[in-house]
Protein backbone atom coordinates (compact mmCIF):
# COMPACT_ATOMS: atom_id res chain seq x y z
CA MET A 1 171.48 66.90 175.13
CA ILE A 2 169.82 66.18 178.49
CA PHE A 3 169.25 68.34 181.58
CA ALA A 4 172.22 66.77 183.40
CA ASP A 5 174.48 68.05 180.60
CA PHE A 6 173.80 71.71 181.32
CA VAL A 7 171.75 72.35 184.49
CA CYS A 8 173.86 73.41 187.47
CA PHE A 9 172.14 71.46 190.24
CA LYS A 10 174.16 73.25 192.96
CA ALA A 11 172.70 76.61 191.88
CA ILE A 12 168.99 75.64 191.90
CA ILE A 13 166.77 77.96 193.95
CA PRO A 14 163.62 76.18 195.18
CA GLU A 15 162.10 79.45 196.44
CA LEU A 16 163.25 82.69 194.86
CA LYS A 17 163.68 85.56 197.30
CA VAL A 18 162.80 88.38 194.91
CA GLN A 19 159.52 88.72 193.06
CA ASP A 20 160.29 90.99 190.10
CA ARG A 21 161.61 89.85 186.72
CA ASP A 22 164.94 91.70 186.75
CA GLY A 23 165.59 90.74 190.37
CA VAL A 24 164.88 87.08 189.62
CA ILE A 25 167.32 87.13 186.70
CA ALA A 26 170.00 88.73 188.91
CA GLU A 27 169.34 86.17 191.68
CA LEU A 28 169.67 83.23 189.28
CA VAL A 29 172.82 84.62 187.65
CA SER A 30 174.29 85.16 191.13
CA ALA A 31 173.53 81.54 192.05
CA LEU A 32 175.42 80.35 188.96
CA ASP A 33 178.29 82.66 189.87
CA LYS A 34 178.47 81.31 193.44
CA ALA A 35 178.53 77.79 192.00
CA GLY A 36 181.60 78.79 189.93
CA ARG A 37 179.89 78.39 186.55
CA LEU A 38 180.46 81.90 185.19
CA GLY A 39 183.51 83.87 184.12
CA LYS A 40 185.18 85.55 187.09
CA GLY A 41 183.58 88.91 187.88
CA LYS A 42 181.04 88.56 185.04
CA SER A 43 177.87 88.16 187.12
CA LYS A 44 176.59 91.75 186.75
CA GLU A 45 177.49 91.87 183.05
CA LEU A 46 175.64 88.61 182.39
CA ALA A 47 172.58 89.71 184.38
CA ARG A 48 172.45 92.93 182.34
CA ALA A 49 172.74 90.95 179.10
CA VAL A 50 169.86 88.63 180.07
CA ILE A 51 167.70 91.58 181.16
CA LYS A 52 168.47 93.42 177.91
CA ARG A 53 167.44 90.31 175.95
CA GLU A 54 164.28 90.04 178.05
CA LYS A 55 163.32 93.64 177.30
CA GLU A 56 163.53 92.92 173.55
CA ALA A 57 160.98 90.09 173.83
CA SER A 58 159.58 88.39 176.91
CA THR A 59 160.59 84.79 177.48
CA GLY A 60 157.49 84.23 179.59
CA MET A 61 156.07 81.48 177.40
CA GLY A 62 152.83 81.13 179.34
CA LYS A 63 151.48 78.35 181.56
CA GLY A 64 153.52 79.64 184.51
CA VAL A 65 156.95 79.28 182.88
CA ALA A 66 159.71 81.62 181.66
CA VAL A 67 162.98 80.70 179.97
CA PRO A 68 165.23 83.77 179.97
CA HIS A 69 168.32 83.07 177.89
CA VAL A 70 171.33 84.71 176.31
CA LYS A 71 174.47 83.80 174.37
CA HIS A 72 177.53 85.49 175.86
CA LYS A 73 181.31 85.34 175.57
CA ALA A 74 181.71 85.23 179.39
CA VAL A 75 180.77 81.54 179.60
CA LYS A 76 182.69 78.57 178.27
CA ASP A 77 179.91 75.97 178.48
CA VAL A 78 176.13 75.97 178.21
CA VAL A 79 174.74 76.35 181.72
CA ALA A 80 171.26 76.63 183.17
CA VAL A 81 169.69 77.13 186.56
CA ILE A 82 166.13 76.78 187.77
CA GLY A 83 164.31 79.01 190.22
CA LEU A 84 160.78 78.59 191.55
CA SER A 85 158.40 81.14 193.04
CA SER A 86 155.31 80.15 195.00
CA ALA A 87 154.04 83.77 194.82
CA GLY A 88 154.44 84.15 191.05
CA ILE A 89 156.40 86.74 189.07
CA ASP A 90 155.24 89.16 186.40
CA PHE A 91 157.34 88.18 183.39
CA SER A 92 155.04 89.79 180.80
CA ALA A 93 154.14 86.26 179.77
CA LEU A 94 152.24 85.60 176.57
CA ASP A 95 149.14 84.51 178.53
CA LYS A 96 149.47 87.50 180.92
CA GLN A 97 149.64 85.07 183.88
CA PRO A 98 152.32 84.98 186.61
CA VAL A 99 155.40 82.80 186.20
CA TYR A 100 156.19 80.20 188.88
CA SER A 101 159.07 78.33 187.21
CA VAL A 102 162.07 80.09 185.66
CA ILE A 103 164.78 78.27 183.71
CA LEU A 104 167.69 80.61 182.98
CA LEU A 105 170.02 79.49 180.18
CA ILE A 106 173.37 81.06 179.33
CA SER A 107 175.39 79.75 176.40
CA PRO A 108 178.75 80.60 174.84
CA ALA A 109 178.33 83.14 172.02
CA ASP A 110 180.37 80.96 169.67
CA GLU A 111 178.34 77.74 170.16
CA PRO A 112 174.83 78.43 168.81
CA ASP A 113 174.20 74.72 168.13
CA LYS A 114 174.63 73.80 171.79
CA HIS A 115 172.33 76.69 172.77
CA LEU A 116 169.66 75.36 170.41
CA GLN A 117 170.07 71.79 171.69
CA ALA A 118 169.60 72.96 175.29
CA MET A 119 166.59 75.09 174.36
CA GLU A 120 165.06 72.19 172.45
CA ASN A 121 165.43 69.93 175.50
CA ILE A 122 163.91 72.54 177.82
CA PHE A 123 160.93 73.22 175.56
CA ARG A 124 160.34 69.55 174.78
CA HIS A 125 159.76 68.93 178.49
CA LEU A 126 157.93 72.19 179.23
CA GLN A 127 155.28 71.40 176.64
CA HIS A 128 154.09 68.56 178.91
CA GLU A 129 151.60 69.62 181.56
CA LYS A 130 152.74 66.87 183.95
CA PHE A 131 156.34 68.11 183.85
CA ARG A 132 155.31 71.74 184.46
CA LYS A 133 153.03 70.67 187.30
CA PHE A 134 155.64 68.47 188.99
CA LEU A 135 158.30 71.18 188.62
CA ARG A 136 156.04 73.77 190.23
CA GLN A 137 155.33 71.40 193.14
CA CYS A 138 159.02 70.85 193.95
CA ARG A 139 160.12 72.34 197.28
CA SER A 140 163.82 71.49 197.44
CA MET A 141 166.94 71.36 195.29
CA THR A 142 166.88 67.56 195.59
CA GLN A 143 163.28 67.29 194.36
CA ILE A 144 164.07 69.49 191.34
CA GLU A 145 167.22 67.51 190.54
CA ASP A 146 165.32 64.21 190.88
CA LEU A 147 162.58 65.48 188.53
CA LEU A 148 165.13 66.55 185.91
CA ARG A 149 166.96 63.22 186.12
CA GLU A 150 163.64 61.37 185.72
CA ALA A 151 162.89 63.51 182.67
CA ASP A 152 166.37 62.71 181.29
CA GLU A 153 165.58 59.00 181.63
CA GLY A 154 162.34 59.47 179.72
CA SER A 155 160.11 58.59 182.66
CA SER A 156 156.42 58.55 181.72
CA LEU A 157 155.75 59.99 185.17
CA VAL A 158 156.91 63.43 184.07
CA VAL A 159 156.10 63.49 180.36
């Protein structure tokens, strides 16, 4: 599975408006909803589910990145959206540092294999410092999409 299989490029937010964890999750879920990628009228329910999951264990993995995720019956396909914050967000990350790049992943409850494939792809790229650095430097939806497509092609520029 590659980024193009599950990232909703139309919903990308190159500069998040809110600066708190729960607000960021709600903003990203709302962007997916506006892009038509969620079940009708399920935006608030999905945001609550992601926040509940986040309260159980932080998805702030350190190095400026968080990957909030949830499996939920309100979605038919695995979908992700990316949001960036130049100010940084407190995500209770493992390294206690602010988060600048957030990748929100929502998967169908009945397709755990697809969820794992998407997570594996995300983490495979996030483990590379170059990828994290380039992602954080992006300033537009187009730059983020281009970076993800380069990563999908296996470009040595980003990994």
